[in-house]
PDB file of N, CA and C in Angstrom:
ATOM      1  N   UNK A   1     -14.411  42.928 -35.330  1.00  0.00           N
ATOM      2  CA  UNK A   1     -14.214  44.356 -35.649  1.00  0.00           C
ATOM      3  C   UNK A   1     -15.573  45.027 -35.806  1.00  0.00           C
ATOM      4  N   UNK A   2     -15.986  45.947 -35.359  1.00  0.00           N
ATOM      5  CA  UNK A   2     -17.023  46.812 -35.425  1.00  0.00           C
ATOM      6  C   UNK A   2     -17.226  47.894 -36.249  1.00  0.00           C
ATOM      7  N   UNK A   3     -18.053  48.046 -37.527  1.00  0.00           N
ATOM      8  CA  UNK A   3     -17.851  49.063 -38.544  1.00  0.00           C
ATOM      9  C   UNK A   3     -17.920  50.262 -37.541  1.00  0.00           C
ATOM     10  N   UNK A   4     -18.800  50.576 -36.948  1.00  0.00           N
ATOM     11  CA  UNK A   4     -18.972  51.962 -36.282  1.00  0.00           C
ATOM     12  C   UNK A   4     -17.744  52.482 -35.494  1.00  0.00           C
ATOM     13  N   UNK A   5     -17.036  51.623 -34.728  1.00  0.00           N
ATOM     14  CA  UNK A   5     -15.953  52.148 -34.375  1.00  0.00           C
ATOM     15  C   UNK A   5     -14.795  52.185 -35.372  1.00  0.00           C
ATOM     16  N   UNK A   6     -14.520  51.382 -36.355  1.00  0.00           N
ATOM     17  CA  UNK A   6     -13.725  51.884 -37.262  1.00  0.00           C
ATOM     18  C   UNK A   6     -13.688  52.984 -37.975  1.00  0.00           C
ATOM     19  N   UNK A   7     -15.008  53.085 -38.340  1.00  0.00           N
ATOM     20  CA  UNK A   7     -15.432  54.495 -39.003  1.00  0.00           C
ATOM     21  C   UNK A   7     -14.956  55.869 -37.997  1.00  0.00           C
ATOM     22  N   UNK A   8     -15.213  55.365 -36.642  1.00  0.00           N
ATOM     23  CA  UNK A   8     -15.131  56.693 -35.802  1.00  0.00           C
ATOM     24  C   UNK A   8     -13.676  56.598 -35.473  1.00  0.00           C
ATOM     25  N   UNK A   9     -12.794  55.626 -35.598  1.00  0.00           N
ATOM     26  CA  UNK A   9     -11.315  56.059 -35.667  1.00  0.00           C
ATOM     27  C   UNK A   9     -10.882  56.670 -37.172  1.00  0.00           C
ATOM     28  N   UNK A  10     -11.402  56.305 -38.176  1.00  0.00           N
ATOM     29  CA  UNK A  10     -11.148  56.952 -39.399  1.00  0.00           C
ATOM     30  C   UNK A  10     -11.306  58.340 -39.316  1.00  0.00           C
ATOM     31  N   UNK A  11     -12.572  58.671 -38.820  1.00  0.00           N
ATOM     32  CA  UNK A  11     -12.704  60.026 -38.532  1.00  0.00           C
ATOM     33  C   UNK A  11     -11.842  60.588 -37.864  1.00  0.00           C
ATOM     34  N   UNK A  12     -11.333  60.419 -36.774  1.00  0.00           N
ATOM     35  CA  UNK A  12     -10.655  60.625 -35.689  1.00  0.00           C
ATOM     36  C   UNK A  12      -9.059  60.939 -36.624  1.00  0.00           C
ATOM     37  N   UNK A  13      -8.971  59.924 -37.543  1.00  0.00           N
ATOM     38  CA  UNK A  13      -7.877  60.173 -38.350  1.00  0.00           C
ATOM     39  C   UNK A  13      -7.918  61.489 -39.176  1.00  0.00           C
ATOM     40  N   UNK A  14      -8.678  61.447 -39.899  1.00  0.00           N
ATOM     41  CA  UNK A  14      -8.895  62.498 -40.690  1.00  0.00           C
ATOM     42  C   UNK A  14      -9.013  64.056 -39.903  1.00  0.00           C
ATOM     43  N   UNK A  15      -9.352  63.858 -38.478  1.00  0.00           N
ATOM     44  CA  UNK A  15      -9.538  65.200 -37.813  1.00  0.00           C
ATOM     45  C   UNK A  15      -7.864  65.694 -37.516  1.00  0.00           C
ATOM     46  N   UNK A  16      -7.270  64.540 -37.235  1.00  0.00           N
ATOM     47  CA  UNK A  16      -5.885  64.582 -37.039  1.00  0.00           C
ATOM     48  C   UNK A  16      -5.095  65.423 -38.143  1.00  0.00           C
ATOM     49  N   UNK A  17      -5.281  64.740 -39.269  1.00  0.00           N
ATOM     50  CA  UNK A  17      -4.860  65.465 -40.627  1.00  0.00           C
ATOM     51  C   UNK A  17      -5.072  66.861 -40.575  1.00  0.00           C
ATOM     52  N   UNK A  18      -6.327  67.044 -40.284  1.00  0.00           N
ATOM     53  CA  UNK A  18      -6.502  68.387 -40.708  1.00  0.00           C
ATOM     54  C   UNK A  18      -6.119  69.531 -39.289  1.00  0.00           C
ATOM     55  N   UNK A  19      -5.797  68.960 -37.907  1.00  0.00           N
ATOM     56  CA  UNK A  19      -4.888  69.550 -37.196  1.00  0.00           C
ATOM     57  C   UNK A  19      -3.809  70.034 -37.446  1.00  0.00           C
ATOM     58  N   UNK A  20      -2.912  68.778 -38.173  1.00  0.00           N
ATOM     59  CA  UNK A  20      -1.368  69.172 -38.644  1.00  0.00           C
ATOM     60  C   UNK A  20      -1.543  70.363 -39.556  1.00  0.00           C
ATOM     61  N   UNK A  21      -2.296  70.079 -40.437  1.00  0.00           N
ATOM     62  CA  UNK A  21      -2.414  70.906 -41.888  1.00  0.00           C
ATOM     63  C   UNK A  21      -2.610  72.357 -41.206  1.00  0.00           C
ATOM     64  N   UNK A  22      -3.604  72.351 -40.242  1.00  0.00           N
ATOM     65  CA  UNK A  22      -4.152  73.891 -39.652  1.00  0.00           C
ATOM     66  C   UNK A  22      -2.655  74.553 -38.743  1.00  0.00           C
ATOM     67  N   UNK A  23      -2.023  73.834 -38.449  1.00  0.00           N
ATOM     68  CA  UNK A  23      -1.012  74.257 -37.318  1.00  0.00           C
ATOM     69  C   UNK A  23       0.444  74.108 -38.127  1.00  0.00           C
ATOM     70  N   UNK A  24       0.551  74.126 -39.714  1.00  0.00           N
ATOM     71  CA  UNK A  24       1.736  74.224 -40.195  1.00  0.00           C
ATOM     72  C   UNK A  24       2.340  76.095 -40.321  1.00  0.00           C
ATOM     73  N   UNK A  25       3.620  75.857 -39.735  1.00  0.00           N
ATOM     74  CA  UNK A  25       4.062  77.078 -39.827  1.00  0.00           C
ATOM     75  C   UNK A  25       5.569  77.057 -40.212  1.00  0.00           C
ATOM     76  N   UNK A  26       5.872  78.116 -40.800  1.00  0.00           N
ATOM     77  CA  UNK A  26       7.525  78.135 -41.585  1.00  0.00           C
ATOM     78  C   UNK A  26       8.112  77.300 -40.767  1.00  0.00           C
ATOM     79  N   UNK A  27       8.230  77.246 -39.286  1.00  0.00           N
ATOM     80  CA  UNK A  27       9.307  76.601 -38.698  1.00  0.00           C
ATOM     81  C   UNK A  27       9.209  74.937 -38.330  1.00  0.00           C
ATOM     82  N   UNK A  28       7.734  74.590 -38.775  1.00  0.00           N
ATOM     83  CA  UNK A  28       7.397  73.309 -38.384  1.00  0.00           C
ATOM     84  C   UNK A  28       6.994  72.460 -39.806  1.00  0.00           C
ATOM     85  N   UNK A  29       7.082  73.109 -41.129  1.00  0.00           N
ATOM     86  CA  UNK A  29       6.462  72.506 -42.006  1.00  0.00           C
ATOM     87  C   UNK A  29       6.910  71.158 -42.334  1.00  0.00           C
ATOM     88  N   UNK A  30       8.221  70.453 -42.352  1.00  0.00           N
ATOM     89  CA  UNK A  30       8.628  69.383 -42.533  1.00  0.00           C
ATOM     90  C   UNK A  30       7.900  68.196 -41.456  1.00  0.00           C
ATOM     91  N   UNK A  31       7.867  68.531 -40.132  1.00  0.00           N
ATOM     92  CA  UNK A  31       7.473  68.060 -39.089  1.00  0.00           C
ATOM     93  C   UNK A  31       5.812  67.591 -39.324  1.00  0.00           C
ATOM     94  N   UNK A  32       5.394  68.926 -39.371  1.00  0.00           N
ATOM     95  CA  UNK A  32       3.917  68.631 -39.323  1.00  0.00           C
ATOM     96  C   UNK A  32       3.378  67.873 -40.993  1.00  0.00           C
ATOM     97  N   UNK A  33       4.080  67.860 -41.933  1.00  0.00           N
ATOM     98  CA  UNK A  33       3.785  67.110 -43.183  1.00  0.00           C
ATOM     99  C   UNK A  33       4.248  65.610 -43.288  1.00  0.00           C
ATOM    100  N   UNK A  34       5.289  65.331 -42.160  1.00  0.00           N
ATOM    101  CA  UNK A  34       5.458  64.043 -41.775  1.00  0.00           C
ATOM    102  C   UNK A  34       4.283  63.542 -41.050  1.00  0.00           C
ATOM    103  N   UNK A  35       3.807  64.064 -39.912  1.00  0.00           N
ATOM    104  CA  UNK A  35       3.043  63.685 -39.329  1.00  0.00           C
ATOM    105  C   UNK A  35       1.553  63.446 -40.389  1.00  0.00           C
ATOM    106  N   UNK A  36       1.487  64.385 -40.966  1.00  0.00           N
ATOM    107  CA  UNK A  36       0.354  64.036 -42.038  1.00  0.00           C
ATOM    108  C   UNK A  36       0.305  62.820 -42.610  1.00  0.00           C
ATOM    109  N   UNK A  37       1.661  62.948 -43.389  1.00  0.00           N
ATOM    110  CA  UNK A  37       1.893  61.605 -44.336  1.00  0.00           C
ATOM    111  C   UNK A  37       1.848  60.151 -43.430  1.00  0.00           C
ATOM    112  N   UNK A  38       2.148  60.380 -42.111  1.00  0.00           N
ATOM    113  CA  UNK A  38       2.055  58.982 -40.966  1.00  0.00           C
ATOM    114  C   UNK A  38       0.394  58.708 -41.007  1.00  0.00           C
ATOM    115  N   UNK A  39      -0.433  59.663 -40.600  1.00  0.00           N
ATOM    116  CA  UNK A  39      -1.419  59.408 -40.498  1.00  0.00           C
ATOM    117  C   UNK A  39      -2.533  59.196 -41.839  1.00  0.00           C
ATOM    118  N   UNK A  40      -2.067  59.808 -42.622  1.00  0.00           N
ATOM    119  CA  UNK A  40      -2.722  59.137 -44.170  1.00  0.00           C
ATOM    120  C   UNK A  40      -2.340  57.826 -44.454  1.00  0.00           C
ATOM    121  N   UNK A  41      -1.061  57.014 -44.387  1.00  0.00           N
ATOM    122  CA  UNK A  41      -0.643  55.892 -44.344  1.00  0.00           C
ATOM    123  C   UNK A  41      -1.404  55.057 -43.659  1.00  0.00           C
ATOM    124  N   UNK A  42      -1.768  55.277 -42.311  1.00  0.00           N
ATOM    125  CA  UNK A  42      -2.554  54.823 -41.311  1.00  0.00           C
ATOM    126  C   UNK A  42      -4.106  54.913 -41.995  1.00  0.00           C
ATOM    127  N   UNK A  43      -4.514  55.714 -42.448  1.00  0.00           N
ATOM    128  CA  UNK A  43      -5.966  56.050 -43.067  1.00  0.00           C
ATOM    129  C   UNK A  43      -6.008  55.064 -44.367  1.00  0.00           C
ATOM    130  N   UNK A  44      -4.943  54.862 -44.834  1.00  0.00           N
ATOM    131  CA  UNK A  44      -5.102  54.250 -46.018  1.00  0.00           C
ATOM    132  C   UNK A  44      -4.872  52.468 -45.614  1.00  0.00           C
ATOM    133  N   UNK A  45      -4.693  52.615 -44.615  1.00  0.00           N
ATOM    134  CA  UNK A  45      -4.229  50.697 -44.008  1.00  0.00           C
ATOM    135  C   UNK A  45      -5.665  50.311 -43.803  1.00  0.00           C
ATOM    136  N   UNK A  46      -6.239  51.288 -42.883  1.00  0.00           N
ATOM    137  CA  UNK A  46      -7.453  51.296 -42.457  1.00  0.00           C
ATOM    138  C   UNK A  46      -8.814  51.117 -43.501  1.00  0.00           C
ATOM    139  N   UNK A  47      -8.638  51.934 -44.463  1.00  0.00           N
ATOM    140  CA  UNK A  47      -9.542  52.053 -45.476  1.00  0.00           C
ATOM    141  C   UNK A  47      -9.369  50.284 -46.253  1.00  0.00           C
ATOM    142  N   UNK A  48      -8.573  49.980 -46.605  1.00  0.00           N
ATOM    143  CA  UNK A  48      -8.305  48.806 -47.163  1.00  0.00           C
ATOM    144  C   UNK A  48      -8.576  47.803 -46.117  1.00  0.00           C
ATOM    145  N   UNK A  49      -8.573  47.702 -44.843  1.00  0.00           N
ATOM    146  CA  UNK A  49      -8.829  46.857 -43.732  1.00  0.00           C
ATOM    147  C   UNK A  49     -10.408  46.909 -44.048  1.00  0.00           C
ATOM    148  N   UNK A  50     -11.220  47.882 -44.035  1.00  0.00           N
ATOM    149  CA  UNK A  50     -12.396  47.955 -44.007  1.00  0.00           C
ATOM    150  C   UNK A  50     -13.017  47.502 -45.546  1.00  0.00           C
ATOM    151  N   UNK A  51     -12.458  47.492 -46.402  1.00  0.00           N
ATOM    152  CA  UNK A  51     -12.644  46.918 -47.789  1.00  0.00           C
ATOM    153  C   UNK A  51     -12.646  45.471 -47.675  1.00  0.00           C
ATOM    154  N   UNK A  52     -11.896  44.886 -47.192  1.00  0.00           N
ATOM    155  CA  UNK A  52     -11.666  43.504 -46.989  1.00  0.00           C
ATOM    156  C   UNK A  52     -12.837  42.951 -46.324  1.00  0.00           C
ATOM    157  N   UNK A  53     -13.388  43.721 -44.963  1.00  0.00           N
ATOM    158  CA  UNK A  53     -14.127  42.979 -43.940  1.00  0.00           C
ATOM    159  C   UNK A  53     -15.449  43.524 -43.928  1.00  0.00           C
ATOM    160  N   UNK A  54     -15.976  44.508 -44.776  1.00  0.00           N
ATOM    161  CA  UNK A  54     -17.202  44.915 -45.137  1.00  0.00           C
ATOM    162  C   UNK A  54     -17.780  44.814 -46.252  1.00  0.00           C
ATOM    163  N   UNK A  55     -19.315  44.579 -46.425  1.00  0.00           N
ATOM    164  CA  UNK A  55     -19.675  44.834 -47.946  1.00  0.00           C
ATOM    165  C   UNK A  55     -19.291  46.239 -48.359  1.00  0.00           C
ATOM    166  N   UNK A  56     -19.241  46.498 -49.724  1.00  0.00           N
ATOM    167  CA  UNK A  56     -19.152  47.806 -49.956  1.00  0.00           C
ATOM    168  C   UNK A  56     -20.520  48.352 -49.484  1.00  0.00           C
ATOM    169  N   UNK A  57     -21.767  48.101 -50.067  1.00  0.00           N
ATOM    170  CA  UNK A  57     -22.812  48.754 -49.633  1.00  0.00           C
ATOM    171  C   UNK A  57     -23.119  49.418 -48.309  1.00  0.00           C
ATOM    172  N   UNK A  58     -22.216  48.860 -47.318  1.00  0.00           N
ATOM    173  CA  UNK A  58     -22.367  49.358 -45.592  1.00  0.00           C
ATOM    174  C   UNK A  58     -21.228  50.413 -46.083  1.00  0.00           C
ATOM    175  N   UNK A  59     -20.356  50.411 -46.463  1.00  0.00           N
ATOM    176  CA  UNK A  59     -19.246  51.291 -46.447  1.00  0.00           C
ATOM    177  C   UNK A  59     -19.731  52.504 -47.375  1.00  0.00           C
ATOM    178  N   UNK A  60     -20.685  52.125 -48.327  1.00  0.00           N
ATOM    179  CA  UNK A  60     -20.905  53.463 -49.002  1.00  0.00           C
ATOM    180  C   UNK A  60     -21.616  54.259 -48.122  1.00  0.00           C
ATOM    181  N   UNK A  61     -22.295  53.822 -46.912  1.00  0.00           N
ATOM    182  CA  UNK A  61     -23.246  54.870 -46.169  1.00  0.00           C
ATOM    183  C   UNK A  61     -22.436  55.983 -45.520  1.00  0.00           C
ATOM    184  N   UNK A  62     -21.315  55.807 -45.517  1.00  0.00           N
ATOM    185  CA  UNK A  62     -20.239  56.788 -44.760  1.00  0.00           C
ATOM    186  C   UNK A  62     -19.326  57.773 -45.675  1.00  0.00           C
ATOM    187  N   UNK A  63     -19.650  57.656 -46.903  1.00  0.00           N
ATOM    188  CA  UNK A  63     -19.053  58.258 -47.948  1.00  0.00           C
ATOM    189  C   UNK A  63     -19.282  59.890 -47.907  1.00  0.00           C
ATOM    190  N   UNK A  64     -20.524  60.204 -47.746  1.00  0.00           N
ATOM    191  CA  UNK A  64     -20.843  61.830 -47.537  1.00  0.00           C
ATOM    192  C   UNK A  64     -19.696  62.362 -46.399  1.00  0.00           C
ATOM    193  N   UNK A  65     -19.741  61.566 -45.344  1.00  0.00           N
ATOM    194  CA  UNK A  65     -19.112  62.065 -44.039  1.00  0.00           C
ATOM    195  C   UNK A  65     -17.545  61.973 -44.451  1.00  0.00           C
ATOM    196  N   UNK A  66     -16.912  60.998 -45.130  1.00  0.00           N
ATOM    197  CA  UNK A  66     -15.514  61.329 -45.550  1.00  0.00           C
ATOM    198  C   UNK A  66     -15.276  62.174 -46.557  1.00  0.00           C
ATOM    199  N   UNK A  67     -16.282  62.448 -47.483  1.00  0.00           N
ATOM    200  CA  UNK A  67     -16.078  63.249 -48.532  1.00  0.00           C
ATOM    201  C   UNK A  67     -15.769  64.746 -47.761  1.00  0.00           C
ATOM    202  N   UNK A  68     -16.550  65.034 -46.840  1.00  0.00           N
ATOM    203  CA  UNK A  68     -16.299  66.408 -46.157  1.00  0.00           C
ATOM    204  C   UNK A  68     -15.122  66.381 -45.709  1.00  0.00           C
ATOM    205  N   UNK A  69     -14.715  65.603 -44.896  1.00  0.00           N
ATOM    206  CA  UNK A  69     -13.050  65.429 -44.462  1.00  0.00           C
ATOM    207  C   UNK A  69     -12.158  65.791 -45.621  1.00  0.00           C
ATOM    208  N   UNK A  70     -12.292  65.017 -46.754  1.00  0.00           N
ATOM    209  CA  UNK A  70     -11.369  65.219 -47.589  1.00  0.00           C
ATOM    210  C   UNK A  70     -11.454  66.509 -48.459  1.00  0.00           C
ATOM    211  N   UNK A  71     -12.581  67.042 -48.445  1.00  0.00           N
ATOM    212  CA  UNK A  71     -12.628  68.495 -49.465  1.00  0.00           C
ATOM    213  C   UNK A  71     -11.818  69.411 -48.521  1.00  0.00           C
ATOM    214  N   UNK A  72     -12.104  69.390 -47.548  1.00  0.00           N
ATOM    215  CA  UNK A  72     -11.520  70.072 -46.604  1.00  0.00           C
ATOM    216  C   UNK A  72     -10.194  70.171 -46.424  1.00  0.00           C
ATOM    217  N   UNK A  73      -9.561  69.128 -46.332  1.00  0.00           N
ATOM    218  CA  UNK A  73      -7.753  68.671 -46.478  1.00  0.00           C
ATOM    219  C   UNK A  73      -7.558  69.354 -48.060  1.00  0.00           C
ATOM    220  N   UNK A  74      -8.135  68.923 -48.954  1.00  0.00           N
ATOM    221  CA  UNK A  74      -7.774  69.032 -50.122  1.00  0.00           C
ATOM    222  C   UNK A  74      -7.672  70.737 -50.635  1.00  0.00           C
ATOM    223  N   UNK A  75      -8.906  71.746 -50.065  1.00  0.00           N
ATOM    224  CA  UNK A  75      -8.885  73.080 -50.090  1.00  0.00           C
ATOM    225  C   UNK A  75      -7.446  73.384 -48.934  1.00  0.00           C
ATOM    226  N   UNK A  76      -7.244  72.561 -48.059  1.00  0.00           N
ATOM    227  CA  UNK A  76      -6.259  73.291 -47.412  1.00  0.00           C
ATOM    228  C   UNK A  76      -4.875  73.410 -47.925  1.00  0.00           C
ATOM    229  N   UNK A  77      -4.636  71.862 -48.731  1.00  0.00           N
ATOM    230  CA  UNK A  77      -3.398  71.883 -49.670  1.00  0.00           C
ATOM    231  C   UNK A  77      -3.406  72.807 -50.836  1.00  0.00           C
ATOM    232  N   UNK A  78      -4.742  73.252 -51.370  1.00  0.00           N
ATOM    233  CA  UNK A  78      -4.838  73.965 -52.363  1.00  0.00           C
ATOM    234  C   UNK A  78      -4.125  75.586 -51.984  1.00  0.00           C
ATOM    235  N   UNK A  79      -4.802  75.611 -50.815  1.00  0.00           N
ATOM    236  CA  UNK A  79      -4.562  77.245 -50.087  1.00  0.00           C
ATOM    237  C   UNK A  79      -3.065  77.292 -50.055  1.00  0.00           C
ATOM    238  N   UNK A  80      -2.410  76.150 -49.296  1.00  0.00           N
ATOM    239  CA  UNK A  80      -1.040  76.257 -48.915  1.00  0.00           C
ATOM    240  C   UNK A  80      -0.230  76.289 -50.623  1.00  0.00           C
ATOM    241  N   UNK A  81      -0.388  75.609 -51.414  1.00  0.00           N
ATOM    242  CA  UNK A  81       0.064  75.584 -52.676  1.00  0.00           C
ATOM    243  C   UNK A  81       0.248  77.305 -53.104  1.00  0.00           C
ATOM    244  N   UNK A  82      -0.940  77.884 -53.006  1.00  0.00           N
ATOM    245  CA  UNK A  82      -1.271  79.114 -53.680  1.00  0.00           C
ATOM    246  C   UNK A  82      -0.499  79.808 -52.970  1.00  0.00           C
ATOM    247  N   UNK A  83      -0.449  80.018 -51.348  1.00  0.00           N
ATOM    248  CA  UNK A  83       0.128  81.174 -50.774  1.00  0.00           C
ATOM    249  C   UNK A  83       1.725  81.202 -51.029  1.00  0.00           C
ATOM    250  N   UNK A  84       2.255  79.719 -51.265  1.00  0.00           N
ATOM    251  CA  UNK A  84       3.439  79.588 -51.812  1.00  0.00           C
ATOM    252  C   UNK A  84       3.849  79.835 -53.042  1.00  0.00           C
ATOM    253  N   UNK A  85       2.917  79.948 -53.945  1.00  0.00           N
ATOM    254  CA  UNK A  85       3.057  80.528 -55.320  1.00  0.00           C
ATOM    255  C   UNK A  85       3.287  81.676 -55.146  1.00  0.00           C
ATOM    256  N   UNK A  86       2.409  82.589 -54.575  1.00  0.00           N
ATOM    257  CA  UNK A  86       2.509  84.403 -54.515  1.00  0.00           C
ATOM    258  C   UNK A  86       3.866  84.528 -53.784  1.00  0.00           C
ATOM    259  N   UNK A  87       4.157  83.792 -52.841  1.00  0.00           N
ATOM    260  CA  UNK A  87       5.421  84.188 -51.951  1.00  0.00           C
ATOM    261  C   UNK A  87       6.476  83.980 -53.005  1.00  0.00           C
ATOM    262  N   UNK A  88       6.330  82.534 -53.952  1.00  0.00           N
ATOM    263  CA  UNK A  88       7.534  82.538 -54.893  1.00  0.00           C
ATOM    264  C   UNK A  88       7.551  83.929 -55.868  1.00  0.00           C
ATOM    265  N   UNK A  89       6.565  84.276 -56.433  1.00  0.00           N
ATOM    266  CA  UNK A  89       6.260  85.230 -57.600  1.00  0.00           C
ATOM    267  C   UNK A  89       6.809  86.620 -56.857  1.00  0.00           C
ATOM    268  N   UNK A  90       6.688  86.576 -55.524  1.00  0.00           N
ATOM    269  CA  UNK A  90       7.208  88.047 -55.091  1.00  0.00           C
ATOM    270  C   UNK A  90       8.510  88.074 -54.758  1.00  0.00           C
ATOM    271  N   UNK A  91       9.306  86.736 -54.218  1.00  0.00           N
ATOM    272  CA  UNK A  91      10.339  86.602 -54.222  1.00  0.00           C
ATOM    273  C   UNK A  91      11.320  86.991 -55.511  1.00  0.00           C
ATOM    274  N   UNK A  92      10.872  86.171 -56.445  1.00  0.00           N
ATOM    275  CA  UNK A  92      11.135  86.670 -58.044  1.00  0.00           C
ATOM    276  C   UNK A  92      10.959  87.590 -58.580  1.00  0.00           C
ATOM    277  N   UNK A  93      10.212  88.209 -58.081  1.00  0.00           N
ATOM    278  CA  UNK A  93      10.120  89.934 -58.396  1.00  0.00           C
ATOM    279  C   UNK A  93      10.823  90.310 -57.981  1.00  0.00           C
ATOM    280  N   UNK A  94      11.211  90.430 -56.630  1.00  0.00           N
ATOM    281  CA  UNK A  94      12.547  91.155 -55.765  1.00  0.00           C
ATOM    282  C   UNK A  94      13.649  91.065 -55.974  1.00  0.00           C
ATOM    283  N   UNK A  95      14.097  89.933 -56.894  1.00  0.00           N
ATOM    284  CA  UNK A  95      15.349  89.016 -57.267  1.00  0.00           C
ATOM    285  C   UNK A  95      15.704  89.827 -58.379  1.00  0.00           C
ATOM    286  N   UNK A  96      14.436  90.017 -59.344  1.00  0.00           N
ATOM    287  CA  UNK A  96      14.453  90.808 -60.739  1.00  0.00           C
ATOM    288  C   UNK A  96      14.844  92.142 -60.381  1.00  0.00           C
ATOM    289  N   UNK A  97      14.231  92.691 -59.472  1.00  0.00           N
ATOM    290  CA  UNK A  97      14.269  94.053 -59.383  1.00  0.00           C
ATOM    291  C   UNK A  97      15.865  94.421 -58.967  1.00  0.00           C
ATOM    292  N   UNK A  98      16.565  93.758 -57.660  1.00  0.00           N
ATOM    293  CA  UNK A  98      17.786  93.673 -57.440  1.00  0.00           C
ATOM    294  C   UNK A  98      18.702  93.549 -58.770  1.00  0.00           C
ATOM    295  N   UNK A  99      18.588  92.561 -59.457  1.00  0.00           N
ATOM    296  CA  UNK A  99      19.312  92.400 -60.490  1.00  0.00           C
ATOM    297  C   UNK A  99      19.208  93.562 -61.498  1.00  0.00           C
ATOM    298  N   UNK A 100      18.363  94.048 -61.645  1.00  0.00           N
ATOM    299  CA  UNK A 100      18.069  95.433 -62.723  1.00  0.00           C
ATOM    300  C   UNK A 100      18.870  96.445 -61.853  1.00  0.00           C
ATOM    301  N   UNK A 101      18.634  96.719 -60.446  1.00  0.00           N
ATOM    302  CA  UNK A 101      19.553  97.948 -59.577  1.00  0.00           C
ATOM    303  C   UNK A 101      20.911  97.510 -59.927  1.00  0.00           C
ATOM    304  N   UNK A 102      21.379  96.205 -59.834  1.00  0.00           N
ATOM    305  CA  UNK A 102      23.118  95.986 -60.208  1.00  0.00           C
ATOM    306  C   UNK A 102      23.281  96.395 -61.332  1.00  0.00           C
ATOM    307  N   UNK A 103      22.730  95.958 -62.473  1.00  0.00           N
ATOM    308  CA  UNK A 103      22.711  96.336 -63.767  1.00  0.00           C
ATOM    309  C   UNK A 103      23.140  97.860 -64.003  1.00  0.00           C
ATOM    310  N   UNK A 104      22.088  98.677 -63.382  1.00  0.00           N
ATOM    311  CA  UNK A 104      22.265 100.074 -63.595  1.00  0.00           C
ATOM    312  C   UNK A 104      23.392 100.741 -62.740  1.00  0.00           C
ATOM    313  N   UNK A 105      23.726 100.156 -61.912  1.00  0.00           N
ATOM    314  CA  UNK A 105      24.762 100.641 -60.888  1.00  0.00           C
ATOM    315  C   UNK A 105      26.035 100.416 -61.937  1.00  0.00           C
ATOM    316  N   UNK A 106      25.970  99.134 -62.780  1.00  0.00           N
ATOM    317  CA  UNK A 106      27.276  98.920 -63.549  1.00  0.00           C
ATOM    318  C   UNK A 106      27.155  99.881 -64.673  1.00  0.00           C
ATOM    319  N   UNK A 107      26.284 100.260 -65.219  1.00  0.00           N
ATOM    320  CA  UNK A 107      26.208 101.086 -66.542  1.00  0.00           C
ATOM    321  C   UNK A 107      26.266 102.443 -65.979  1.00  0.00           C
ATOM    322  N   UNK A 108      26.028 102.820 -64.783  1.00  0.00           N
ATOM    323  CA  UNK A 108      26.506 104.385 -64.264  1.00  0.00           C
ATOM    324  C   UNK A 108      28.026 104.716 -64.055  1.00  0.00           C
ATOM    325  N   UNK A 109      28.651 103.551 -63.988  1.00  0.00           N
ATOM    326  CA  UNK A 109      30.072 103.560 -63.744  1.00  0.00           C
ATOM    327  C   UNK A 109      30.964 104.396 -64.783  1.00  0.00           C
TER     328      UNK A 109
END
């Protein structure tokens, strides 16, 4: 097992996660998140293998590269969460307005 090859595979897996996250749409959320989950499990497995087979000092040399991927993925998740919070607030306000209109109709009778 060569370290460079393993690191290249991990980078490819991080790129896959980014690809799946960037291609999430309303009609494929669960499918894409399922793919993200599968690749994430593979990343964790490979990480554990690397920790078992290589000295920590050698692995630390690649931390900066992986930190970039990790930060991008975190930002994407944060962005998705924020977008959904905004949608949730909007729907909540619409429901409140509908309930208020309903009450006004009842009082008007």
